[in-house]
């Protein structure tokens, strides 16, 4: 460490050990960490988590809009109104994302039970003589 750091540590009564531990992790690495999804996460859990986050964003956005509109009325500055407009647009996009999330969940759940229940068109594989014999047998049974 430099002489200035030592003097600051002494004046502020900070131990060098604390500084060394803090420097172990690069703050940029912490910011870039991605959240890890739980291994047993299913569609419903993801849906509930995403929905909760979108509602949280809607609440915070509404509070921000109220604040920026009050600020815009007081200052009557065009930039404040521009920011308010952008926040309102963002809020509408979040509301649209909430609707899209429900639509996607519905599609995912429909795909699971989308297997055919019964076969309406049967395909015969064979020669024409075999087909004629099979038709003749069916006519005789009736």
N, C-alpha and C. Protein backbone atom coordinates (compact mmCIF):
# COMPACT_ATOMS: atom_id res chain seq x y z
N UNK A 1 0.83 -1.19 0.00
CA UNK A 1 0.00 0.00 0.00
C UNK A 1 0.87 1.24 0.00
N UNK A 2 0.25 2.30 -0.46
CA UNK A 2 1.00 3.55 -0.51
C UNK A 2 0.99 4.24 0.85
N UNK A 3 1.82 5.24 0.95
CA UNK A 3 1.95 6.00 2.19
C UNK A 3 0.65 6.72 2.53
N UNK A 4 -0.07 7.22 1.53
CA UNK A 4 -1.33 7.93 1.74
C UNK A 4 -2.37 6.97 2.32
N UNK A 5 -2.43 5.75 1.75
CA UNK A 5 -3.38 4.77 2.25
C UNK A 5 -3.11 4.43 3.71
N UNK A 6 -1.84 4.29 4.07
CA UNK A 6 -1.49 3.98 5.45
C UNK A 6 -1.92 5.10 6.39
N UNK A 7 -1.71 6.34 5.98
CA UNK A 7 -2.08 7.48 6.83
C UNK A 7 -3.60 7.58 6.96
N UNK A 8 -4.34 7.34 5.84
CA UNK A 8 -5.79 7.36 5.91
C UNK A 8 -6.31 6.25 6.82
N UNK A 9 -5.71 5.08 6.72
CA UNK A 9 -6.10 3.96 7.58
C UNK A 9 -5.88 4.32 9.05
N UNK A 10 -4.78 4.98 9.32
CA UNK A 10 -4.45 5.35 10.70
C UNK A 10 -5.41 6.43 11.20
N UNK A 11 -5.70 7.45 10.38
CA UNK A 11 -6.58 8.54 10.80
C UNK A 11 -8.02 8.05 10.98
N UNK A 12 -8.47 7.23 10.02
CA UNK A 12 -9.85 6.74 10.07
C UNK A 12 -10.00 5.51 10.95
N UNK A 13 -8.89 5.02 11.47
CA UNK A 13 -8.88 3.87 12.36
C UNK A 13 -9.42 2.62 11.65
N UNK A 14 -8.94 2.40 10.42
CA UNK A 14 -9.34 1.25 9.60
C UNK A 14 -8.19 0.27 9.57
N UNK A 15 -8.50 -0.99 9.80
CA UNK A 15 -7.46 -2.02 9.76
C UNK A 15 -7.18 -2.41 8.32
N UNK A 16 -5.94 -2.78 8.03
CA UNK A 16 -5.57 -3.19 6.67
C UNK A 16 -6.25 -4.48 6.27
N UNK A 17 -6.54 -5.35 7.23
CA UNK A 17 -7.17 -6.63 6.94
C UNK A 17 -8.54 -6.43 6.30
N UNK A 18 -9.28 -5.48 6.77
CA UNK A 18 -10.60 -5.22 6.21
C UNK A 18 -10.49 -4.81 4.75
N UNK A 19 -9.54 -3.95 4.45
CA UNK A 19 -9.35 -3.51 3.08
C UNK A 19 -8.93 -4.66 2.18
N UNK A 20 -8.08 -5.52 2.67
CA UNK A 20 -7.63 -6.64 1.86
C UNK A 20 -8.78 -7.60 1.57
N UNK A 21 -9.63 -7.86 2.53
CA UNK A 21 -10.76 -8.76 2.31
C UNK A 21 -11.73 -8.15 1.31
N UNK A 22 -11.92 -6.85 1.38
CA UNK A 22 -12.84 -6.18 0.46
C UNK A 22 -12.31 -6.22 -0.97
N UNK A 23 -11.01 -6.18 -1.13
CA UNK A 23 -10.43 -6.17 -2.46
C UNK A 23 -10.36 -7.55 -3.08
N UNK A 24 -10.66 -8.60 -2.31
CA UNK A 24 -10.61 -9.96 -2.85
C UNK A 24 -11.55 -10.14 -4.03
N UNK A 25 -12.75 -9.58 -3.94
CA UNK A 25 -13.73 -9.74 -5.01
C UNK A 25 -13.80 -8.48 -5.84
N UNK A 26 -13.79 -8.66 -7.11
CA UNK A 26 -13.93 -7.55 -8.03
C UNK A 26 -15.42 -7.18 -8.10
N UNK A 27 -15.80 -5.93 -7.86
CA UNK A 27 -17.22 -5.56 -7.89
C UNK A 27 -17.87 -5.84 -9.24
N UNK A 28 -17.11 -5.79 -10.31
CA UNK A 28 -17.69 -6.07 -11.62
C UNK A 28 -18.11 -7.53 -11.75
N UNK A 29 -17.39 -8.42 -11.10
CA UNK A 29 -17.75 -9.83 -11.14
C UNK A 29 -19.06 -10.08 -10.41
N UNK A 30 -19.30 -9.37 -9.34
CA UNK A 30 -20.53 -9.53 -8.58
C UNK A 30 -21.72 -9.05 -9.40
N UNK A 31 -21.56 -7.94 -10.10
CA UNK A 31 -22.64 -7.39 -10.91
C UNK A 31 -22.97 -8.33 -12.06
N UNK A 32 -21.98 -8.98 -12.64
CA UNK A 32 -22.19 -9.81 -13.81
C UNK A 32 -22.68 -11.21 -13.49
N UNK A 33 -22.79 -11.57 -12.22
CA UNK A 33 -23.28 -12.90 -11.88
C UNK A 33 -24.74 -13.02 -12.29
N UNK A 34 -25.08 -14.17 -12.87
CA UNK A 34 -26.45 -14.40 -13.30
C UNK A 34 -27.15 -15.24 -12.24
N UNK A 35 -28.43 -14.98 -11.99
CA UNK A 35 -29.14 -15.80 -11.02
C UNK A 35 -29.29 -17.21 -11.56
N UNK A 36 -29.14 -18.16 -10.68
CA UNK A 36 -29.23 -19.56 -11.07
C UNK A 36 -30.62 -20.07 -10.73
N UNK A 37 -31.29 -20.66 -11.71
CA UNK A 37 -32.62 -21.20 -11.49
C UNK A 37 -32.51 -22.48 -10.67
N UNK A 38 -33.46 -22.70 -9.78
CA UNK A 38 -33.42 -23.95 -9.03
C UNK A 38 -33.57 -25.14 -9.96
N UNK A 39 -32.98 -26.25 -9.58
CA UNK A 39 -32.98 -27.43 -10.45
C UNK A 39 -34.38 -27.98 -10.67
N UNK A 40 -35.24 -27.89 -9.68
CA UNK A 40 -36.57 -28.47 -9.80
C UNK A 40 -37.62 -27.46 -10.24
N UNK A 41 -37.18 -26.36 -10.87
CA UNK A 41 -38.11 -25.32 -11.30
C UNK A 41 -39.00 -25.85 -12.42
N UNK A 42 -40.27 -25.59 -12.31
CA UNK A 42 -41.19 -25.99 -13.37
C UNK A 42 -41.85 -24.75 -13.95
N UNK A 43 -42.72 -24.96 -14.89
CA UNK A 43 -43.34 -23.85 -15.62
C UNK A 43 -44.16 -22.98 -14.68
N UNK A 44 -44.90 -23.60 -13.76
CA UNK A 44 -45.75 -22.83 -12.86
C UNK A 44 -44.92 -21.95 -11.92
N UNK A 45 -43.81 -22.49 -11.43
CA UNK A 45 -42.94 -21.70 -10.55
C UNK A 45 -42.36 -20.51 -11.30
N UNK A 46 -41.89 -20.76 -12.52
CA UNK A 46 -41.34 -19.67 -13.33
C UNK A 46 -42.41 -18.62 -13.64
N UNK A 47 -43.61 -19.09 -13.93
CA UNK A 47 -44.70 -18.18 -14.22
C UNK A 47 -45.01 -17.30 -13.01
N UNK A 48 -45.12 -17.93 -11.84
CA UNK A 48 -45.42 -17.18 -10.63
C UNK A 48 -44.33 -16.17 -10.31
N UNK A 49 -43.06 -16.58 -10.49
CA UNK A 49 -41.94 -15.68 -10.23
C UNK A 49 -41.96 -14.50 -11.21
N UNK A 50 -42.12 -14.79 -12.48
CA UNK A 50 -42.16 -13.74 -13.50
C UNK A 50 -43.34 -12.80 -13.29
N UNK A 51 -44.47 -13.36 -12.96
CA UNK A 51 -45.66 -12.56 -12.73
C UNK A 51 -45.48 -11.64 -11.53
N UNK A 52 -44.90 -12.18 -10.48
CA UNK A 52 -44.65 -11.38 -9.28
C UNK A 52 -43.69 -10.23 -9.57
N UNK A 53 -42.65 -10.52 -10.35
CA UNK A 53 -41.69 -9.47 -10.70
C UNK A 53 -42.34 -8.38 -11.56
N UNK A 54 -43.21 -8.79 -12.49
CA UNK A 54 -43.87 -7.80 -13.34
C UNK A 54 -44.81 -6.92 -12.51
N UNK A 55 -45.54 -7.53 -11.56
CA UNK A 55 -46.40 -6.72 -10.70
C UNK A 55 -45.58 -5.76 -9.84
N UNK A 56 -44.43 -6.24 -9.37
CA UNK A 56 -43.54 -5.39 -8.58
C UNK A 56 -43.07 -4.19 -9.41
N UNK A 57 -42.69 -4.47 -10.67
CA UNK A 57 -42.26 -3.39 -11.56
C UNK A 57 -43.40 -2.41 -11.85
N UNK A 58 -44.62 -2.92 -11.98
CA UNK A 58 -45.76 -2.04 -12.22
C UNK A 58 -45.99 -1.11 -11.03
N UNK A 59 -45.87 -1.64 -9.82
CA UNK A 59 -46.06 -0.82 -8.62
C UNK A 59 -44.99 0.27 -8.52
N UNK A 60 -43.73 -0.12 -8.72
CA UNK A 60 -42.65 0.85 -8.64
C UNK A 60 -42.76 1.89 -9.75
N UNK A 61 -43.16 1.44 -10.93
CA UNK A 61 -43.32 2.36 -12.05
C UNK A 61 -44.43 3.37 -11.81
N UNK A 62 -45.52 2.92 -11.19
CA UNK A 62 -46.61 3.84 -10.87
C UNK A 62 -46.16 4.91 -9.88
N UNK A 63 -45.39 4.49 -8.90
CA UNK A 63 -44.85 5.45 -7.93
C UNK A 63 -43.91 6.43 -8.62
N UNK A 64 -43.08 5.93 -9.52
CA UNK A 64 -42.15 6.80 -10.24
C UNK A 64 -42.90 7.78 -11.14
N UNK A 65 -43.96 7.32 -11.77
CA UNK A 65 -44.75 8.22 -12.64
C UNK A 65 -45.38 9.33 -11.82
N UNK A 66 -45.94 8.96 -10.66
CA UNK A 66 -46.54 9.99 -9.80
C UNK A 66 -45.50 11.03 -9.41
N UNK A 67 -44.30 10.57 -9.05
CA UNK A 67 -43.24 11.50 -8.65
C UNK A 67 -42.77 12.39 -9.78
N UNK A 68 -42.57 11.82 -10.96
CA UNK A 68 -42.06 12.61 -12.07
C UNK A 68 -43.13 13.59 -12.58
N UNK A 69 -44.41 13.20 -12.50
CA UNK A 69 -45.47 14.13 -12.91
C UNK A 69 -45.56 15.31 -11.94
N UNK A 70 -45.40 15.03 -10.66
CA UNK A 70 -45.40 16.12 -9.68
C UNK A 70 -44.22 17.06 -9.93
N UNK A 71 -43.06 16.46 -10.22
CA UNK A 71 -41.87 17.25 -10.51
C UNK A 71 -42.05 18.07 -11.79
N UNK A 72 -42.67 17.47 -12.80
CA UNK A 72 -42.88 18.16 -14.07
C UNK A 72 -43.84 19.34 -13.89
N UNK A 73 -44.87 19.16 -13.05
CA UNK A 73 -45.82 20.25 -12.82
C UNK A 73 -45.16 21.42 -12.09
N UNK A 74 -44.29 21.07 -11.13
CA UNK A 74 -43.62 22.13 -10.37
C UNK A 74 -42.62 22.90 -11.23
N UNK A 75 -41.78 22.18 -11.95
CA UNK A 75 -40.72 22.82 -12.72
C UNK A 75 -41.12 23.25 -14.10
N UNK A 76 -42.16 22.65 -14.64
CA UNK A 76 -42.63 22.92 -16.00
C UNK A 76 -41.49 22.84 -17.02
N UNK A 77 -40.62 21.86 -16.81
CA UNK A 77 -39.49 21.67 -17.72
C UNK A 77 -39.88 20.60 -18.74
N UNK A 78 -39.62 20.81 -20.03
CA UNK A 78 -40.01 19.84 -21.06
C UNK A 78 -39.36 18.46 -20.86
N UNK A 79 -38.14 18.44 -20.37
CA UNK A 79 -37.45 17.16 -20.18
C UNK A 79 -38.18 16.30 -19.14
N UNK A 80 -38.72 16.92 -18.11
CA UNK A 80 -39.45 16.17 -17.09
C UNK A 80 -40.70 15.53 -17.70
N UNK A 81 -41.38 16.24 -18.58
CA UNK A 81 -42.54 15.67 -19.24
C UNK A 81 -42.14 14.55 -20.20
N UNK A 82 -41.00 14.70 -20.83
CA UNK A 82 -40.49 13.65 -21.73
C UNK A 82 -40.21 12.37 -20.94
N UNK A 83 -39.58 12.52 -19.79
CA UNK A 83 -39.28 11.36 -18.95
C UNK A 83 -40.58 10.72 -18.47
N UNK A 84 -41.56 11.54 -18.10
CA UNK A 84 -42.86 11.01 -17.67
C UNK A 84 -43.51 10.19 -18.79
N UNK A 85 -43.43 10.71 -20.00
CA UNK A 85 -43.97 9.98 -21.15
C UNK A 85 -43.27 8.65 -21.36
N UNK A 86 -41.96 8.64 -21.20
CA UNK A 86 -41.21 7.39 -21.36
C UNK A 86 -41.58 6.39 -20.27
N UNK A 87 -41.77 6.87 -19.05
CA UNK A 87 -42.18 5.97 -17.97
C UNK A 87 -43.56 5.38 -18.22
N UNK A 88 -44.46 6.21 -18.72
CA UNK A 88 -45.81 5.72 -19.03
C UNK A 88 -45.75 4.67 -20.13
N UNK A 89 -44.92 4.90 -21.13
CA UNK A 89 -44.76 3.92 -22.21
C UNK A 89 -44.18 2.62 -21.67
N UNK A 90 -43.21 2.72 -20.78
CA UNK A 90 -42.61 1.53 -20.17
C UNK A 90 -43.64 0.76 -19.36
N UNK A 91 -44.49 1.48 -18.64
CA UNK A 91 -45.53 0.83 -17.85
C UNK A 91 -46.49 0.05 -18.75
N UNK A 92 -46.85 0.64 -19.88
CA UNK A 92 -47.76 -0.07 -20.79
C UNK A 92 -47.09 -1.31 -21.38
N UNK A 93 -45.78 -1.24 -21.62
CA UNK A 93 -45.05 -2.40 -22.13
C UNK A 93 -45.00 -3.51 -21.08
N UNK A 94 -44.83 -3.13 -19.82
CA UNK A 94 -44.81 -4.13 -18.75
C UNK A 94 -46.18 -4.80 -18.63
N UNK A 95 -47.25 -4.01 -18.74
CA UNK A 95 -48.60 -4.58 -18.70
C UNK A 95 -48.81 -5.54 -19.87
N UNK A 96 -48.29 -5.18 -21.04
CA UNK A 96 -48.39 -6.06 -22.21
C UNK A 96 -47.60 -7.34 -21.98
N UNK A 97 -46.42 -7.22 -21.36
CA UNK A 97 -45.61 -8.41 -21.06
C UNK A 97 -46.34 -9.33 -20.10
N UNK A 98 -47.11 -8.77 -19.18
CA UNK A 98 -47.89 -9.57 -18.24
C UNK A 98 -48.94 -10.39 -18.98
N UNK A 99 -49.60 -9.76 -19.95
CA UNK A 99 -50.59 -10.48 -20.75
C UNK A 99 -49.92 -11.54 -21.63
N UNK A 100 -48.77 -11.22 -22.20
CA UNK A 100 -48.04 -12.19 -23.02
C UNK A 100 -47.60 -13.39 -22.19
N UNK A 101 -47.22 -13.14 -20.95
CA UNK A 101 -46.79 -14.22 -20.07
C UNK A 101 -47.93 -15.20 -19.83
N UNK A 102 -49.14 -14.69 -19.62
CA UNK A 102 -50.30 -15.56 -19.43
C UNK A 102 -50.58 -16.36 -20.70
N UNK A 103 -50.48 -15.71 -21.85
CA UNK A 103 -50.73 -16.38 -23.13
C UNK A 103 -49.72 -17.51 -23.35
N UNK A 104 -48.45 -17.24 -23.04
CA UNK A 104 -47.42 -18.25 -23.21
C UNK A 104 -47.63 -19.43 -22.26
N UNK A 105 -48.07 -19.16 -21.04
CA UNK A 105 -48.34 -20.25 -20.10
C UNK A 105 -49.48 -21.12 -20.61
N UNK A 106 -50.51 -20.47 -21.14
CA UNK A 106 -51.65 -21.23 -21.67
C UNK A 106 -51.20 -22.13 -22.82
N UNK A 107 -50.35 -21.60 -23.70
CA UNK A 107 -49.86 -22.39 -24.83
C UNK A 107 -49.00 -23.56 -24.35
N UNK A 108 -48.17 -23.34 -23.33
CA UNK A 108 -47.34 -24.41 -22.80
C UNK A 108 -48.17 -25.51 -22.19
N UNK A 109 -49.23 -25.14 -21.49
CA UNK A 109 -50.08 -26.15 -20.86
C UNK A 109 -50.90 -26.89 -21.90
N UNK A 110 -51.29 -26.22 -22.99
CA UNK A 110 -52.05 -26.88 -24.06
C UNK A 110 -51.19 -27.86 -24.83
N UNK A 111 -49.90 -27.59 -24.96
CA UNK A 111 -49.01 -28.47 -25.70
C UNK A 111 -48.89 -29.82 -25.01
N UNK A 112 -48.91 -29.83 -23.68
CA UNK A 112 -48.77 -31.08 -22.94
C UNK A 112 -49.92 -32.05 -23.23
N UNK A 113 -51.14 -31.55 -23.31
CA UNK A 113 -52.28 -32.42 -23.55
C UNK A 113 -52.73 -32.39 -24.99
N UNK A 114 -51.87 -32.12 -25.92
CA UNK A 114 -52.23 -31.94 -27.32
C UNK A 114 -52.05 -33.21 -28.15
N UNK A 115 -51.80 -34.34 -27.51
CA UNK A 115 -51.61 -35.58 -28.28
C UNK A 115 -52.96 -36.05 -28.82
N UNK A 116 -52.97 -36.71 -29.97
CA UNK A 116 -54.23 -37.14 -30.57
C UNK A 116 -54.93 -38.19 -29.71
N UNK A 117 -56.23 -38.03 -29.56
CA UNK A 117 -57.02 -38.96 -28.74
C UNK A 117 -57.44 -40.19 -29.54
N UNK A 118 -57.87 -39.98 -30.78
CA UNK A 118 -58.26 -41.10 -31.62
C UNK A 118 -57.83 -40.81 -33.06
N UNK A 119 -57.70 -41.86 -33.82
CA UNK A 119 -57.26 -41.74 -35.20
C UNK A 119 -58.48 -41.77 -36.09
N UNK A 120 -58.66 -40.75 -36.92
CA UNK A 120 -59.82 -40.69 -37.82
C UNK A 120 -59.46 -41.17 -39.23
N UNK A 121 -58.24 -41.08 -39.64
CA UNK A 121 -57.82 -41.51 -40.96
C UNK A 121 -56.86 -42.68 -40.82
N UNK A 122 -57.25 -43.82 -41.34
CA UNK A 122 -56.38 -44.99 -41.30
C UNK A 122 -55.71 -45.14 -42.66
N UNK A 123 -54.51 -45.65 -42.66
CA UNK A 123 -53.74 -45.80 -43.88
C UNK A 123 -53.50 -47.28 -44.12
N UNK A 124 -53.80 -47.73 -45.34
CA UNK A 124 -53.57 -49.13 -45.70
C UNK A 124 -52.27 -49.22 -46.49
N UNK A 125 -51.41 -50.12 -46.04
CA UNK A 125 -50.16 -50.33 -46.75
C UNK A 125 -50.20 -51.74 -47.32
N UNK A 126 -50.20 -51.84 -48.60
CA UNK A 126 -50.22 -53.15 -49.25
C UNK A 126 -50.55 -52.98 -50.73
N UNK A 127 -50.71 -54.12 -51.39
CA UNK A 127 -51.00 -54.07 -52.82
C UNK A 127 -52.50 -53.92 -53.05
N UNK A 128 -52.87 -53.62 -54.29
CA UNK A 128 -54.29 -53.43 -54.60
C UNK A 128 -55.06 -54.75 -54.48
N UNK A 129 -54.42 -55.85 -54.79
CA UNK A 129 -55.12 -57.14 -54.66
C UNK A 129 -55.43 -57.43 -53.19
N UNK A 130 -54.48 -57.11 -52.29
CA UNK A 130 -54.73 -57.32 -50.87
C UNK A 130 -55.86 -56.42 -50.37
N UNK A 131 -55.90 -55.17 -50.89
CA UNK A 131 -56.96 -54.24 -50.52
C UNK A 131 -58.31 -54.75 -50.99
N UNK A 132 -58.38 -55.28 -52.23
CA UNK A 132 -59.63 -55.79 -52.75
C UNK A 132 -60.11 -57.01 -51.95
N UNK A 133 -59.17 -57.85 -51.54
CA UNK A 133 -59.54 -59.01 -50.72
C UNK A 133 -60.08 -58.56 -49.37
N UNK A 134 -59.47 -57.56 -48.77
CA UNK A 134 -59.90 -57.06 -47.46
C UNK A 134 -61.29 -56.43 -47.57
N UNK A 135 -61.53 -55.69 -48.65
CA UNK A 135 -62.84 -55.06 -48.85
C UNK A 135 -63.90 -56.13 -49.07
N UNK A 136 -63.57 -57.16 -49.82
CA UNK A 136 -64.50 -58.24 -50.10
C UNK A 136 -64.88 -58.98 -48.82
N UNK A 137 -63.88 -59.20 -47.93
CA UNK A 137 -64.15 -59.86 -46.65
C UNK A 137 -65.07 -59.00 -45.77
N UNK A 138 -64.84 -57.68 -45.78
CA UNK A 138 -65.68 -56.78 -44.97
C UNK A 138 -67.10 -56.76 -45.49
N UNK A 139 -67.29 -56.83 -46.80
CA UNK A 139 -68.64 -56.85 -47.37
C UNK A 139 -69.35 -58.15 -47.02
N UNK A 140 -68.60 -59.25 -47.00
CA UNK A 140 -69.21 -60.54 -46.69
C UNK A 140 -69.65 -60.61 -45.23
N UNK A 141 -68.92 -59.94 -44.34
CA UNK A 141 -69.25 -59.94 -42.91
C UNK A 141 -70.54 -59.16 -42.65
N UNK A 142 -70.82 -58.19 -43.46
CA UNK A 142 -72.00 -57.36 -43.25
C UNK A 142 -73.18 -57.99 -43.84
